[in-house]
């Protein structure tokens, strides 16, 4: 399972080689997950004019059809997120995204956030794009 943070999609839109290659793998059937918070963040970036609205709509539709979305409706994700935020000293939003990846046993996490590299767990690789 691959966890895709919001920054992954920004790099994808920038035609980052690793992001494009990873997305191709997902199209070919690689399992992936995305937090519902990334959908929020992408939408917010669109509203701020950082990402084109039409592109954002297409991207969100692709996420919903190709990836397992982690919705924040489980107590375990919220409690794990709180512990990660406190223990690793990372922002709450990023901790909740990371918690969702952990709950789905993501083995690889793609991000642009350097503070997510603080998370260390055997069998989990965090790659900063």
Protein backbone atom coordinates (compact mmCIF):
# COMPACT_ATOMS: atom_id res chain seq x y z
CA UNK A 1 0.00 0.00 0.00
CA UNK A 2 1.27 3.44 -0.99
CA UNK A 3 0.26 6.53 0.98
CA UNK A 4 0.04 9.73 -1.05
CA UNK A 5 0.26 13.02 0.82
CA UNK A 6 -1.06 16.28 -0.65
CA UNK A 7 2.41 17.32 -1.76
CA UNK A 8 2.62 14.21 -3.94
CA UNK A 9 -0.16 15.60 -6.11
CA UNK A 10 1.51 18.99 -6.36
CA UNK A 11 4.67 17.28 -7.60
CA UNK A 12 2.58 15.16 -9.95
CA UNK A 13 1.09 18.31 -11.48
CA UNK A 14 4.62 19.68 -11.82
CA UNK A 15 5.46 16.53 -13.82
CA UNK A 16 7.91 15.23 -11.20
CA UNK A 17 9.38 12.00 -12.59
CA UNK A 18 8.97 9.94 -9.38
CA UNK A 19 5.39 11.16 -8.87
CA UNK A 20 4.40 10.43 -12.47
CA UNK A 21 5.98 6.97 -12.31
CA UNK A 22 4.22 6.21 -9.01
CA UNK A 23 0.86 7.34 -10.42
CA UNK A 24 1.38 5.06 -13.44
CA UNK A 25 1.87 2.17 -11.02
CA UNK A 26 -1.41 3.06 -9.33
CA UNK A 27 -3.19 3.12 -12.68
CA UNK A 28 -1.77 -0.35 -13.31
CA UNK A 29 -3.19 -1.64 -10.02
CA UNK A 30 -0.80 -0.71 -7.20
CA UNK A 31 -2.86 -0.15 -4.04
CA UNK A 32 -2.81 3.38 -2.72
CA UNK A 33 -4.45 5.53 -0.10
CA UNK A 34 -5.08 9.24 0.26
CA UNK A 35 -6.43 11.10 3.27
CA UNK A 36 -9.69 12.99 2.94
CA UNK A 37 -7.66 15.91 4.31
CA UNK A 38 -5.65 15.91 1.07
CA UNK A 39 -8.88 16.42 -0.84
CA UNK A 40 -9.57 19.38 1.46
CA UNK A 41 -6.06 20.77 0.94
CA UNK A 42 -6.19 20.40 -2.84
CA UNK A 43 -9.56 22.15 -2.93
CA UNK A 44 -8.21 24.95 -0.74
CA UNK A 45 -5.20 25.37 -3.05
CA UNK A 46 -7.61 25.67 -5.95
CA UNK A 47 -9.63 28.35 -4.16
CA UNK A 48 -6.40 30.28 -3.55
CA UNK A 49 -5.59 30.08 -7.27
CA UNK A 50 -2.51 27.90 -6.82
CA UNK A 51 -4.05 25.03 -8.79
CA UNK A 52 -6.46 25.52 -11.66
CA UNK A 53 -10.05 24.69 -10.62
CA UNK A 54 -10.69 22.34 -13.54
CA UNK A 55 -7.43 20.50 -12.91
CA UNK A 56 -8.33 20.19 -9.22
CA UNK A 57 -11.74 18.75 -10.03
CA UNK A 58 -10.18 16.17 -12.37
CA UNK A 59 -7.51 15.31 -9.82
CA UNK A 60 -10.02 14.81 -7.02
CA UNK A 61 -12.16 12.59 -9.26
CA UNK A 62 -9.06 10.54 -10.12
CA UNK A 63 -8.20 10.19 -6.43
CA UNK A 64 -11.72 9.06 -5.58
CA UNK A 65 -11.73 6.47 -8.36
CA UNK A 66 -8.14 5.18 -8.11
CA UNK A 67 -7.25 5.41 -4.41
CA UNK A 68 -8.67 4.25 -1.12
CA UNK A 69 -9.71 7.40 0.70
CA UNK A 70 -9.05 7.53 4.44
CA UNK A 71 -12.02 9.30 6.02
CA UNK A 72 -11.53 10.73 9.49
CA UNK A 73 -14.49 9.00 11.05
CA UNK A 74 -12.67 6.44 13.17
CA UNK A 75 -11.60 6.98 16.76
CA UNK A 76 -8.34 5.10 16.17
CA UNK A 77 -7.17 7.47 13.45
CA UNK A 78 -7.92 10.52 15.58
CA UNK A 79 -6.16 9.15 18.66
CA UNK A 80 -3.17 7.95 16.65
CA UNK A 81 -2.98 11.35 14.97
CA UNK A 82 -2.95 13.09 18.33
CA UNK A 83 -0.12 10.85 19.57
CA UNK A 84 1.89 11.38 16.37
CA UNK A 85 1.42 15.14 16.48
CA UNK A 86 2.54 15.29 20.09
CA UNK A 87 5.30 12.68 19.92
CA UNK A 88 6.89 13.80 16.65
CA UNK A 89 6.08 17.49 17.08
CA UNK A 90 4.38 17.72 13.68
CA UNK A 91 1.33 19.76 12.64
CA UNK A 92 -2.05 18.20 13.45
CA UNK A 93 -3.20 17.99 9.82
CA UNK A 94 -0.06 16.12 8.77
CA UNK A 95 -0.29 13.84 11.81
CA UNK A 96 -3.87 12.91 10.90
CA UNK A 97 -2.85 12.17 7.31
CA UNK A 98 0.03 10.01 8.58
CA UNK A 99 -2.27 8.25 11.05
CA UNK A 100 -4.56 7.20 8.22
CA UNK A 101 -1.63 5.77 6.30
CA UNK A 102 -0.54 3.83 9.38
CA UNK A 103 -4.03 2.45 9.95
CA UNK A 104 -4.06 1.10 6.37
CA UNK A 105 -0.56 -0.35 6.73
CA UNK A 106 1.03 1.81 4.06
CA UNK A 107 4.54 0.57 3.39
CA UNK A 108 5.58 3.56 1.30
CA UNK A 109 4.61 7.18 1.88
CA UNK A 110 5.23 9.96 -0.63
CA UNK A 111 5.29 13.49 0.73
CA UNK A 112 6.91 16.89 0.37
CA UNK A 113 6.87 17.54 4.12
CA UNK A 114 10.28 17.11 5.74
CA UNK A 115 8.78 16.66 9.20
CA UNK A 116 7.05 13.42 8.11
CA UNK A 117 10.52 11.95 7.75
CA UNK A 118 10.64 11.95 11.57
CA UNK A 119 8.28 8.97 11.52
CA UNK A 120 10.31 5.80 11.83
CA UNK A 121 8.76 2.37 11.77
CA UNK A 122 10.20 -0.89 10.51
CA UNK A 123 8.76 -1.73 7.11
CA UNK A 124 7.63 1.85 6.35
CA UNK A 125 9.56 4.08 3.97
CA UNK A 126 8.87 7.81 3.79
CA UNK A 127 10.06 9.42 0.56
CA UNK A 128 10.21 13.19 0.25
CA UNK A 129 9.70 14.37 -3.31
